[in-house]
Every structure is written in C-alpha cells, then in structure tokens.
C-alpha atoms as a PDB file:
ATOM      1  CA  MET A   1      71.194 106.931  12.087  1.00  0.00           C
ATOM      2  CA  ASP A   2      68.692 107.264  14.992  1.00  0.00           C
ATOM      3  CA  LEU A   3      70.511 108.016  18.326  1.00  0.00           C
ATOM      4  CA  ARG A   4      67.643 106.426  20.175  1.00  0.00           C
ATOM      5  CA  LEU A   5      68.297 103.126  18.467  1.00  0.00           C
ATOM      6  CA  ILE A   6      72.085 103.302  19.243  1.00  0.00           C
ATOM      7  CA  ARG A   7      71.230 103.849  22.889  1.00  0.00           C
ATOM      8  CA  TYR A   8      68.874 100.927  22.849  1.00  0.00           C
ATOM      9  CA  PHE A   9      71.638  98.858  21.278  1.00  0.00           C
ATOM     10  CA  LEU A  10      74.256  99.931  23.823  1.00  0.00           C
ATOM     11  CA  VAL A  11      71.921  99.052  26.744  1.00  0.00           C
ATOM     12  CA  LEU A  12      71.322  95.623  25.248  1.00  0.00           C
ATOM     13  CA  CYS A  13      75.020  95.193  24.920  1.00  0.00           C
ATOM     14  CA  GLU A  14      75.422  95.900  28.630  1.00  0.00           C
ATOM     15  CA  GLU A  15      72.574  93.603  29.732  1.00  0.00           C
ATOM     16  CA  GLU A  16      73.129  90.838  27.136  1.00  0.00           C
ATOM     17  CA  ASN A  17      69.471  89.919  27.455  1.00  0.00           C
ATOM     18  CA  PHE A  18      66.403  91.395  25.629  1.00  0.00           C
ATOM     19  CA  THR A  19      64.019  91.064  28.561  1.00  0.00           C
ATOM     20  CA  VAL A  20      66.393  92.658  31.082  1.00  0.00           C
ATOM     21  CA  ALA A  21      67.323  95.502  28.667  1.00  0.00           C
ATOM     22  CA  ALA A  22      63.737  96.208  27.816  1.00  0.00           C
ATOM     23  CA  ASN A  23      62.817  96.491  31.542  1.00  0.00           C
ATOM     24  CA  ARG A  24      65.697  98.950  31.967  1.00  0.00           C
ATOM     25  CA  LEU A  25      64.518 100.988  29.013  1.00  0.00           C
ATOM     26  CA  ASN A  26      60.849 100.833  30.140  1.00  0.00           C
ATOM     27  CA  ILE A  27      59.690  99.245  26.984  1.00  0.00           C
ATOM     28  CA  THR A  28      58.339  95.816  26.055  1.00  0.00           C
ATOM     29  CA  GLN A  29      60.748  93.032  24.915  1.00  0.00           C
ATOM     30  CA  PRO A  30      58.934  92.738  21.486  1.00  0.00           C
ATOM     31  CA  THR A  31      59.341  96.489  21.001  1.00  0.00           C
ATOM     32  CA  LEU A  32      63.096  96.310  21.724  1.00  0.00           C
ATOM     33  CA  SER A  33      63.575  93.324  19.439  1.00  0.00           C
ATOM     34  CA  LYS A  34      61.741  95.178  16.662  1.00  0.00           C
ATOM     35  CA  GLU A  35      63.821  98.235  17.165  1.00  0.00           C
ATOM     36  CA  ILE A  36      67.060  96.374  16.996  1.00  0.00           C
ATOM     37  CA  LYS A  37      65.911  94.537  13.941  1.00  0.00           C
ATOM     38  CA  SER A  38      65.189  97.808  12.275  1.00  0.00           C
ATOM     39  CA  LEU A  39      68.711  99.045  13.135  1.00  0.00           C
ATOM     40  CA  GLU A  40      70.168  95.889  11.599  1.00  0.00           C
ATOM     41  CA  LEU A  41      68.064  96.500   8.405  1.00  0.00           C
ATOM     42  CA  GLU A  42      69.176 100.175   8.279  1.00  0.00           C
ATOM     43  CA  LEU A  43      72.861  99.145   8.523  1.00  0.00           C
ATOM     44  CA  ASN A  44      72.408  96.061   6.287  1.00  0.00           C
ATOM     45  CA  ASN A  45      74.326  93.905   8.813  1.00  0.00           C
ATOM     46  CA  THR A  46      73.572  91.442  11.569  1.00  0.00           C
ATOM     47  CA  LEU A  47      74.722  92.938  14.805  1.00  0.00           C
ATOM     48  CA  LEU A  48      74.085  90.137  17.224  1.00  0.00           C
ATOM     49  CA  ILE A  49      73.245  86.449  17.527  1.00  0.00           C
ATOM     50  CA  ARG A  50      70.101  85.767  19.654  1.00  0.00           C
ATOM     51  CA  GLY A  51      70.642  83.066  22.117  1.00  0.00           C
ATOM     52  CA  LYS A  52      68.125  81.507  24.650  1.00  0.00           C
ATOM     53  CA  ARG A  53      69.698  83.251  27.570  1.00  0.00           C
ATOM     54  CA  LYS A  54      71.941  85.911  26.231  1.00  0.00           C
ATOM     55  CA  ILE A  55      72.992  87.700  22.986  1.00  0.00           C
ATOM     56  CA  THR A  56      76.448  87.408  21.301  1.00  0.00           C
ATOM     57  CA  LEU A  57      77.753  90.352  19.342  1.00  0.00           C
ATOM     58  CA  THR A  58      78.999  89.825  15.782  1.00  0.00           C
ATOM     59  CA  ASP A  59      82.074  91.703  14.603  1.00  0.00           C
ATOM     60  CA  GLU A  60      79.833  94.314  13.090  1.00  0.00           C
ATOM     61  CA  GLY A  61      78.078  94.588  16.562  1.00  0.00           C
ATOM     62  CA  LEU A  62      81.357  94.934  18.406  1.00  0.00           C
ATOM     63  CA  TYR A  63      82.356  97.738  15.960  1.00  0.00           C
ATOM     64  CA  LEU A  64      79.032  99.568  16.561  1.00  0.00           C
ATOM     65  CA  LYS A  65      79.341  99.187  20.329  1.00  0.00           C
ATOM     66  CA  LYS A  66      82.752 100.758  20.343  1.00  0.00           C
ATOM     67  CA  HIS A  67      81.924 103.654  17.978  1.00  0.00           C
ATOM     68  CA  GLY A  68      78.327 103.980  19.158  1.00  0.00           C
ATOM     69  CA  LYS A  69      79.607 105.025  22.607  1.00  0.00           C
ATOM     70  CA  GLU A  70      81.686 107.701  21.089  1.00  0.00           C
ATOM     71  CA  ILE A  71      78.741 108.993  18.981  1.00  0.00           C
ATOM     72  CA  ILE A  72      76.498 109.070  22.128  1.00  0.00           C
ATOM     73  CA  GLU A  73      79.227 110.855  24.185  1.00  0.00           C
ATOM     74  CA  LEU A  74      79.685 113.411  21.359  1.00  0.00           C
ATOM     75  CA  SER A  75      75.963 114.075  21.025  1.00  0.00           C
ATOM     76  CA  GLU A  76      75.547 114.584  24.744  1.00  0.00           C
ATOM     77  CA  LYS A  77      78.555 116.928  24.791  1.00  0.00           C
ATOM     78  CA  LEU A  78      77.128 118.923  21.861  1.00  0.00           C
ATOM     79  CA  GLU A  79      73.706 119.114  23.405  1.00  0.00           C
ATOM     80  CA  GLN A  80      75.021 120.306  26.720  1.00  0.00           C
ATOM     81  CA  GLY A  81      77.280 122.896  25.076  1.00  0.00           C
ATOM     82  CA  ILE A  82      74.419 124.343  23.043  1.00  0.00           C
ATOM     83  CA  LYS A  83      72.114 124.536  26.105  1.00  0.00           C
ATOM     84  CA  ASN A  84      74.699 126.401  28.137  1.00  0.00           C
ATOM     85  CA  TYR A  85      76.080 128.703  25.333  1.00  0.00           C
ATOM     86  CA  ASN A  86      73.992 131.757  25.999  1.00  0.00           C
ATOM     87  CA  ASN A  87      73.387 131.229  29.789  1.00  0.00           C
ATOM     88  CA  ASP A  88      75.394 132.546  32.709  1.00  0.00           C
ATOM     89  CA  ILE A  89      78.798 131.026  31.781  1.00  0.00           C
ATOM     90  CA  GLN A  90      78.774 127.427  32.478  1.00  0.00           C
ATOM     91  CA  GLY A  91      79.427 124.243  30.704  1.00  0.00           C
ATOM     92  CA  ASP A  92      81.790 121.250  30.522  1.00  0.00           C
ATOM     93  CA  VAL A  93      85.453 120.943  29.491  1.00  0.00           C
ATOM     94  CA  TYR A  94      86.790 117.488  28.463  1.00  0.00           C
ATOM     95  CA  ILE A  95      90.380 116.835  28.945  1.00  0.00           C
ATOM     96  CA  GLY A  96      92.558 113.695  28.236  1.00  0.00           C
ATOM     97  CA  ALA A  97      95.881 113.263  30.052  1.00  0.00           C
ATOM     98  CA  ALA A  98      98.775 110.919  29.978  1.00  0.00           C
ATOM     99  CA  GLU A  99     100.355 110.224  33.277  1.00  0.00           C
ATOM    100  CA  THR A 100     102.865 112.876  34.314  1.00  0.00           C
ATOM    101  CA  GLU A 101     103.533 115.090  37.365  1.00  0.00           C
ATOM    102  CA  LEU A 102     103.204 117.976  34.975  1.00  0.00           C
ATOM    103  CA  PHE A 103      99.478 117.449  35.023  1.00  0.00           C
ATOM    104  CA  HIS A 104      99.593 119.879  37.983  1.00  0.00           C
ATOM    105  CA  ILE A 105      99.668 122.791  35.374  1.00  0.00           C
ATOM    106  CA  ILE A 106      96.183 121.506  34.214  1.00  0.00           C
ATOM    107  CA  SER A 107      94.926 121.015  37.651  1.00  0.00           C
ATOM    108  CA  LYS A 108      96.088 124.418  38.779  1.00  0.00           C
ATOM    109  CA  THR A 109      94.405 125.937  35.716  1.00  0.00           C
ATOM    110  CA  MET A 110      91.129 124.051  36.584  1.00  0.00           C
ATOM    111  CA  HIS A 111      91.299 125.454  40.071  1.00  0.00           C
ATOM    112  CA  ASP A 112      91.847 129.027  38.869  1.00  0.00           C
ATOM    113  CA  VAL A 113      88.880 128.745  36.346  1.00  0.00           C
ATOM    114  CA  SER A 114      86.581 127.340  39.044  1.00  0.00           C
ATOM    115  CA  LEU A 115      87.278 130.357  41.290  1.00  0.00           C
ATOM    116  CA  ASP A 116      85.989 132.749  38.605  1.00  0.00           C
ATOM    117  CA  TYR A 117      83.459 130.459  36.942  1.00  0.00           C
ATOM    118  CA  PRO A 118      82.201 127.953  39.511  1.00  0.00           C
ATOM    119  CA  LYS A 119      79.539 126.515  37.091  1.00  0.00           C
ATOM    120  CA  ILE A 120      82.186 125.135  34.704  1.00  0.00           C
ATOM    121  CA  GLN A 121      82.720 121.413  35.241  1.00  0.00           C
ATOM    122  CA  PHE A 122      85.696 119.249  34.178  1.00  0.00           C
ATOM    123  CA  HIS A 123      85.948 115.708  32.897  1.00  0.00           C
ATOM    124  CA  ILE A 124      89.297 114.021  32.951  1.00  0.00           C
ATOM    125  CA  TYR A 125      90.088 110.929  30.886  1.00  0.00           C
ATOM    126  CA  ASP A 126      93.408 108.921  31.621  1.00  0.00           C
ATOM    127  CA  GLY A 127      95.154 107.332  28.754  1.00  0.00           C
ATOM    128  CA  ASN A 128      98.288 107.164  26.697  1.00  0.00           C
ATOM    129  CA  THR A 129      99.039 109.488  23.793  1.00  0.00           C
ATOM    130  CA  ASP A 130      97.349 107.259  21.115  1.00  0.00           C
ATOM    131  CA  ASP A 131      94.133 107.008  23.214  1.00  0.00           C
ATOM    132  CA  ILE A 132      94.104 110.749  23.694  1.00  0.00           C
ATOM    133  CA  GLU A 133      94.645 111.691  20.105  1.00  0.00           C
ATOM    134  CA  ASN A 134      91.848 109.249  19.068  1.00  0.00           C
ATOM    135  CA  ARG A 135      89.520 110.904  21.524  1.00  0.00           C
ATOM    136  CA  ILE A 136      90.358 114.345  20.132  1.00  0.00           C
ATOM    137  CA  ASP A 137      89.818 113.164  16.628  1.00  0.00           C
ATOM    138  CA  THR A 138      86.349 111.783  17.428  1.00  0.00           C
ATOM    139  CA  GLY A 139      85.511 114.943  19.462  1.00  0.00           C
ATOM    140  CA  SER A 140      84.777 113.163  22.783  1.00  0.00           C
ATOM    141  CA  ILE A 141      87.513 115.360  24.422  1.00  0.00           C
ATOM    142  CA  SER A 142      88.776 118.809  23.376  1.00  0.00           C
ATOM    143  CA  PHE A 143      92.221 119.053  25.045  1.00  0.00           C
ATOM    144  CA  GLY A 144      94.981 116.522  25.524  1.00  0.00           C
ATOM    145  CA  LEU A 145      98.230 116.350  27.553  1.00  0.00           C
ATOM    146  CA  ILE A 146     100.436 114.049  25.613  1.00  0.00           C
ATOM    147  CA  PHE A 147     104.069 112.948  24.901  1.00  0.00           C
ATOM    148  CA  SER A 148     104.932 113.143  21.299  1.00  0.00           C
ATOM    149  CA  THR A 149     107.723 114.356  19.093  1.00  0.00           C
ATOM    150  CA  ASN A 150     105.652 113.878  15.925  1.00  0.00           C
ATOM    151  CA  HIS A 151     103.562 116.970  15.144  1.00  0.00           C
ATOM    152  CA  HIS A 152     100.508 116.686  12.984  1.00  0.00           C
ATOM    153  CA  ASP A 153      99.009 119.577  10.979  1.00  0.00           C
ATOM    154  CA  LYS A 154      95.525 118.955  12.421  1.00  0.00           C
ATOM    155  CA  TYR A 155      96.552 119.930  15.939  1.00  0.00           C
ATOM    156  CA  GLU A 156      97.636 123.035  17.785  1.00  0.00           C
ATOM    157  CA  TYR A 157     100.520 122.474  20.176  1.00  0.00           C
ATOM    158  CA  LEU A 158     101.186 124.222  23.476  1.00  0.00           C
ATOM    159  CA  PRO A 159     104.529 123.131  25.068  1.00  0.00           C
ATOM    160  CA  ILE A 160     104.448 123.385  28.764  1.00  0.00           C
ATOM    161  CA  TYR A 161     108.221 123.807  29.377  1.00  0.00           C
ATOM    162  CA  GLY A 162     108.825 120.729  31.520  1.00  0.00           C
ATOM    163  CA  LYS A 163     110.215 117.260  31.181  1.00  0.00           C
ATOM    164  CA  ASP A 164     109.904 113.861  32.716  1.00  0.00           C
ATOM    165  CA  GLN A 165     112.803 111.438  33.151  1.00  0.00           C
ATOM    166  CA  TRP A 166     112.558 107.820  32.313  1.00  0.00           C
ATOM    167  CA  GLY A 167     113.685 105.159  34.791  1.00  0.00           C
ATOM    168  CA  VAL A 168     112.807 101.818  36.215  1.00  0.00           C
ATOM    169  CA  ILE A 169     110.505 101.160  39.180  1.00  0.00           C
ATOM    170  CA  LEU A 170     111.640  98.240  41.381  1.00  0.00           C
ATOM    171  CA  LYS A 171     111.292  96.961  44.940  1.00  0.00           C
ATOM    172  CA  LYS A 172     113.352  98.554  47.682  1.00  0.00           C
ATOM    173  CA  GLU A 173     115.090  95.299  48.537  1.00  0.00           C
ATOM    174  CA  ASP A 174     115.996  94.504  44.948  1.00  0.00           C
ATOM    175  CA  PRO A 175     119.808  94.408  44.453  1.00  0.00           C
ATOM    176  CA  LEU A 176     119.513  97.134  41.679  1.00  0.00           C
ATOM    177  CA  ALA A 177     118.003  99.533  44.138  1.00  0.00           C
ATOM    178  CA  VAL A 178     121.490 100.394  45.562  1.00  0.00           C
ATOM    179  CA  LYS A 179     122.535 101.905  42.185  1.00  0.00           C
ATOM    180  CA  ASN A 180     122.095 105.600  41.411  1.00  0.00           C
ATOM    181  CA  ALA A 181     121.074 104.736  37.854  1.00  0.00           C
ATOM    182  CA  VAL A 182     120.261 101.656  35.895  1.00  0.00           C
ATOM    183  CA  GLU A 183     122.097 100.729  32.748  1.00  0.00           C
ATOM    184  CA  PRO A 184     120.929  98.527  29.817  1.00  0.00           C
ATOM    185  CA  GLN A 185     123.074  95.491  30.895  1.00  0.00           C
ATOM    186  CA  ASP A 186     121.335  95.589  34.356  1.00  0.00           C
ATOM    187  CA  LEU A 187     117.936  94.845  32.805  1.00  0.00           C
ATOM    188  CA  ILE A 188     118.834  92.979  29.578  1.00  0.00           C
ATOM    189  CA  ASP A 189     117.733  89.563  31.037  1.00  0.00           C
ATOM    190  CA  LYS A 190     115.082  90.880  33.496  1.00  0.00           C
ATOM    191  CA  PRO A 191     111.287  90.545  32.986  1.00  0.00           C
ATOM    192  CA  LEU A 192     110.118  93.969  31.870  1.00  0.00           C
ATOM    193  CA  ILE A 193     106.867  95.824  32.243  1.00  0.00           C
ATOM    194  CA  LEU A 194     106.496  98.351  29.474  1.00  0.00           C
ATOM    195  CA  SER A 195     104.016 100.897  28.153  1.00  0.00           C
ATOM    196  CA  SER A 196     101.533  99.542  25.597  1.00  0.00           C
ATOM    197  CA  ARG A 197     102.037 102.642  23.471  1.00  0.00           C
ATOM    198  CA  LYS A 198     103.974 101.325  20.410  1.00  0.00           C
ATOM    199  CA  LYS A 199     105.636 104.711  19.687  1.00  0.00           C
ATOM    200  CA  SER A 200     107.569 104.360  22.938  1.00  0.00           C
ATOM    201  CA  HIS A 201     108.996 101.037  21.990  1.00  0.00           C
ATOM    202  CA  ALA A 202     111.492 102.536  19.599  1.00  0.00           C
ATOM    203  CA  THR A 203     112.889 104.678  22.454  1.00  0.00           C
ATOM    204  CA  ILE A 204     113.254 101.634  24.613  1.00  0.00           C
ATOM    205  CA  SER A 205     114.797  99.549  21.849  1.00  0.00           C
ATOM    206  CA  ASN A 206     117.392 102.317  21.093  1.00  0.00           C
ATOM    207  CA  TRP A 207     118.265 102.508  24.800  1.00  0.00           C
ATOM    208  CA  PHE A 208     118.821  98.641  25.091  1.00  0.00           C
ATOM    209  CA  GLY A 209     120.416  98.447  21.672  1.00  0.00           C
ATOM    210  CA  LYS A 210     118.078  95.545  20.971  1.00  0.00           C
ATOM    211  CA  ASP A 211     114.784  95.097  19.118  1.00  0.00           C
ATOM    212  CA  ILE A 212     111.795  95.046  21.468  1.00  0.00           C
ATOM    213  CA  LYS A 213     110.843  91.566  20.404  1.00  0.00           C
ATOM    214  CA  ASP A 214     114.216  90.361  21.601  1.00  0.00           C
ATOM    215  CA  LEU A 215     113.661  91.724  25.154  1.00  0.00           C
ATOM    216  CA  ASN A 216     112.191  89.726  28.015  1.00  0.00           C
ATOM    217  CA  VAL A 217     108.757  91.621  28.104  1.00  0.00           C
ATOM    218  CA  PHE A 218     106.491  90.291  30.835  1.00  0.00           C
ATOM    219  CA  ALA A 219     103.553  92.613  30.245  1.00  0.00           C
ATOM    220  CA  TYR A 220     102.422  95.774  28.466  1.00  0.00           C
ATOM    221  CA  ILE A 221     100.404  98.308  30.420  1.00  0.00           C
ATOM    222  CA  ASN A 222      98.543 101.548  29.559  1.00  0.00           C
ATOM    223  CA  LEU A 223      98.256 102.808  33.209  1.00  0.00           C
ATOM    224  CA  LEU A 224     101.129 102.899  35.602  1.00  0.00           C
ATOM    225  CA  SER A 225      99.013 101.915  38.611  1.00  0.00           C
ATOM    226  CA  ASN A 226      98.679  98.438  37.188  1.00  0.00           C
ATOM    227  CA  GLY A 227     102.442  98.300  36.608  1.00  0.00           C
ATOM    228  CA  LEU A 228     103.062  99.029  40.211  1.00  0.00           C
ATOM    229  CA  HIS A 229     100.919  96.143  41.290  1.00  0.00           C
ATOM    230  CA  LEU A 230     102.930  93.863  39.060  1.00  0.00           C
ATOM    231  CA  VAL A 231     106.197  95.111  40.496  1.00  0.00           C
ATOM    232  CA  ARG A 232     104.997  94.617  44.080  1.00  0.00           C
ATOM    233  CA  ASP A 233     104.093  91.075  43.161  1.00  0.00           C
ATOM    234  CA  ASP A 234     107.599  90.349  41.788  1.00  0.00           C
ATOM    235  CA  CYS A 235     106.424  90.174  38.166  1.00  0.00           C
ATOM    236  CA  GLY A 236     109.172  92.318  36.854  1.00  0.00           C
ATOM    237  CA  TYR A 237     110.676  95.794  36.408  1.00  0.00           C
ATOM    238  CA  CYS A 238     108.597  98.627  35.258  1.00  0.00           C
ATOM    239  CA  ILE A 239     110.153 101.149  32.873  1.00  0.00           C
ATOM    240  CA  ALA A 240     108.204 104.455  33.361  1.00  0.00           C
ATOM    241  CA  ILE A 241     108.623 108.125  34.073  1.00  0.00           C
ATOM    242  CA  SER A 242     109.807 109.659  37.314  1.00  0.00           C
ATOM    243  CA  GLU A 243     107.872 110.995  40.260  1.00  0.00           C
ATOM    244  CA  LEU A 244     104.756 108.898  39.719  1.00  0.00           C
ATOM    245  CA  SER A 245     105.204 105.844  41.852  1.00  0.00           C
ATOM    246  CA  HIS A 246     104.979 107.409  45.325  1.00  0.00           C
ATOM    247  CA  ASP A 247     104.997 103.940  46.917  1.00  0.00           C
ATOM    248  CA  SER A 248     106.644 103.007  50.168  1.00  0.00           C
ATOM    249  CA  GLU A 249     107.600  99.602  48.901  1.00  0.00           C
ATOM    250  CA  LEU A 250     109.125 100.738  45.621  1.00  0.00           C
ATOM    251  CA  VAL A 251     111.899 102.931  44.381  1.00  0.00           C
ATOM    252  CA  PHE A 252     112.612 104.779  41.112  1.00  0.00           C
ATOM    253  CA  ARG A 253     116.123 104.662  39.556  1.00  0.00           C
ATOM    254  CA  PRO A 254     116.811 106.771  36.411  1.00  0.00           C
ATOM    255  CA  LEU A 255     118.026 105.183  33.213  1.00  0.00           C
ATOM    256  CA  SER A 256     121.632 105.686  32.125  1.00  0.00           C
ATOM    257  CA  PRO A 257     122.051 106.996  29.425  1.00  0.00           C
ATOM    258  CA  GLU A 258     119.353 109.444  30.485  1.00  0.00           C
ATOM    259  CA  ILE A 259     116.007 109.588  28.472  1.00  0.00           C
ATOM    260  CA  TYR A 260     113.579 112.486  28.823  1.00  0.00           C
ATOM    261  CA  GLN A 261     110.177 113.115  27.364  1.00  0.00           C
ATOM    262  CA  TYR A 262     108.492 116.458  26.980  1.00  0.00           C
ATOM    263  CA  PRO A 263     104.718 116.834  27.596  1.00  0.00           C
ATOM    264  CA  THR A 264     102.645 119.162  25.459  1.00  0.00           C
ATOM    265  CA  ILE A 265      99.009 120.233  25.288  1.00  0.00           C
ATOM    266  CA  ILE A 266      97.228 119.610  22.058  1.00  0.00           C
ATOM    267  CA  TYR A 267      93.813 120.512  20.609  1.00  0.00           C
ATOM    268  CA  LYS A 268      92.202 120.556  17.167  1.00  0.00           C
ATOM    269  CA  LYS A 269      93.019 123.409  14.778  1.00  0.00           C
ATOM    270  CA  ASN A 270      90.084 125.757  14.001  1.00  0.00           C
ATOM    271  CA  SER A 271      88.000 124.262  16.779  1.00  0.00           C
ATOM    272  CA  SER A 272      84.652 125.722  17.515  1.00  0.00           C
ATOM    273  CA  PHE A 273      84.949 125.913  21.249  1.00  0.00           C
ATOM    274  CA  SER A 274      82.197 126.550  23.743  1.00  0.00           C
ATOM    275  CA  LYS A 275      82.515 129.538  26.027  1.00  0.00           C
ATOM    276  CA  ALA A 276      83.674 127.234  28.826  1.00  0.00           C
ATOM    277  CA  GLU A 277      86.377 125.770  26.643  1.00  0.00           C
ATOM    278  CA  LYS A 278      87.531 129.118  25.424  1.00  0.00           C
ATOM    279  CA  ILE A 279      87.845 130.298  29.022  1.00  0.00           C
ATOM    280  CA  PHE A 280      89.776 127.217  30.003  1.00  0.00           C
ATOM    281  CA  LEU A 281      92.186 127.644  27.088  1.00  0.00           C
ATOM    282  CA  SER A 282      92.872 131.309  27.888  1.00  0.00           C
ATOM    283  CA  TYR A 283      93.627 130.443  31.535  1.00  0.00           C
ATOM    284  CA  LEU A 284      95.730 127.433  30.478  1.00  0.00           C
ATOM    285  CA  LYS A 285      97.906 129.581  28.229  1.00  0.00           C
ATOM    286  CA  GLU A 286      98.427 131.977  31.109  1.00  0.00           C
ATOM    287  CA  SER A 287      99.364 129.081  33.456  1.00  0.00           C
ATOM    288  CA  ILE A 288     101.881 127.793  30.798  1.00  0.00           C
ATOM    289  CA  LEU A 289     103.423 131.252  30.526  1.00  0.00           C
ATOM    290  CA  LYS A 290     103.814 131.489  34.351  1.00  0.00           C
ATOM    291  CA  ASN A 291     105.505 128.038  34.315  1.00  0.00           C
ATOM    292  CA  LYS A 292     107.857 129.114  31.581  1.00  0.00           C
ATOM    293  CA  GLN A 293     108.744 132.342  33.504  1.00  0.00           C
ATOM    294  CA  GLN A 294     109.496 130.252  36.611  1.00  0.00           C
ATOM    295  CA  LYS A 295     111.748 127.928  34.671  1.00  0.00           C
ATOM    296  CA  THR A 296     113.794 130.933  33.383  1.00  0.00           C
ATOM    297  CA  VAL A 297     114.239 132.616  36.797  1.00  0.00           C
END
C-alpha cells in the first residue's frame, strides 16, 4: 500500500472536503479524487461517501483512518531511526506512560540521558495500560510504564520497586473528607467516576463486594485530569491512585481495606532498538537499580 495515498486520505479525513484537502496538499482537486479512488480500488472497499459539501467516512474508512495514522507514525519513526543510526548519537525515544507519581523514574532517566546525549529527543504518550500495550504492539512506542499483574510472553518486564495506593478524590468540604480512610459502605450509593480500563473493574468490584454494573457509575475516564474536573463540579467521587490530584479544592482519602498497584516498565522481547533507544534502556535499568537500593536502605 502506497504511504503517499494513506497520507492523502488522512488529510482528506481532517478537512472533510476534497477542495480544501487538495489545496493543503498542493495538488488539484481532480488529482486527489483520482488518487482516493485508486486507493479504494486497491483495497476493494468504499472508504467514504462524497457529499456536496463534505465527505462521510464508511466503516471501512474509519478503520483505515485509525490504523493509517499508526502506519504513518511507524514509518516516520523508522525513517528517522535509520537516518540517525550511523550519525553522532541522536534519535527519538517513544514512551507511553500511565498516570503515576513513579513516572519520576522515567523523567529522571530522560534528564540523565540528555546530559550525555543532548541530541536524543523524547516523545511521551499518556494513556491507560491497554492503550500503551496496543501502541507497543503496533510499534508506535517502544517503552511503556503500565499497571498489570498479567504478564505476556511477548514483553520484557522491568519492575520499578514502587507502589501506588488507591483511594477516592473528593471535595474538601465533603462530609467524607473528615475520615482518614473510606470504606465500601461510604461510597456504595454515591455517583462514582472510574477508570475506563476494564481490567481495573474487577479490583473495584472485589473491594465493593458488588458487580461493577450494580454500582452507581457516573462516568468512565482514561485521564485523571478529566476526573478532577468532574469532582470539582459535584459530579461524583473519583476512585484513583494517590499523589496525583495536587488540587487545593480536593483531597485524597485512601480506600480501606487498602488496595495497591505496582507499576512496571515493558517493552517487546527481541526488539531491534535504535542506538538512542538502547542508551535510554541502559540508563533506565541503572535508574531502577538505584531506586531499588534506596528502597532497601
């Protein structure tokens, strides 16, 4: 499949209009229309419905839009990695990270690498564990900081010897804020804001002693920042990990019984890393070892 045609298609998806997209691509509208038609013929599928003012993507078009972006990201990453491979050490390192205070181990590693190799650049993607694993599988990132108790044979795992505690984020003036810890009966009838990551739902269900569908779930989120907005606006109680709210209007109260989760670094087994990625990994292992030694002092 011609990457040029995928890029044309993605620009058309963004602009939703052949004329506007053609102007952006510096080609004529008939040329763009012909190229998109050739892409549809190659894939033996209709990718879009042509309207008078804008296009509408078919299901096949939506599928190509999603995975086409991944293909382009991967091709650009590969191209940049090859260009930099034999130069003075430089390049790009792509990292995905779930929300945790223990990200400081990665940020410290990035800082140490940059002191010795200032031409290495970093790209950070936020997401939950499922998002990060999917990005590693497609090759759009090389390293991930995740929470998972399920180990897969396709990944290498680097435990970082730390843990995050689960709790509830609520407003300072809320009656539950006076408690040192929050128990299931305190939240059983309250509107809840939960992670969209389905694998975490079993943990929450076990803590409540109820199936997730029987709880009063107001919203599911994949980034805590959105959950904090919902709490401030009296939408509910956000169950999340500690030390991440840092908000003067809100407080964190741990769950009782206590729940902890343990972050780990993952990357694909037998990966063909660029020089920049190899350097980052070696520095990361050193940072993790130092963190382990500090924990045991």
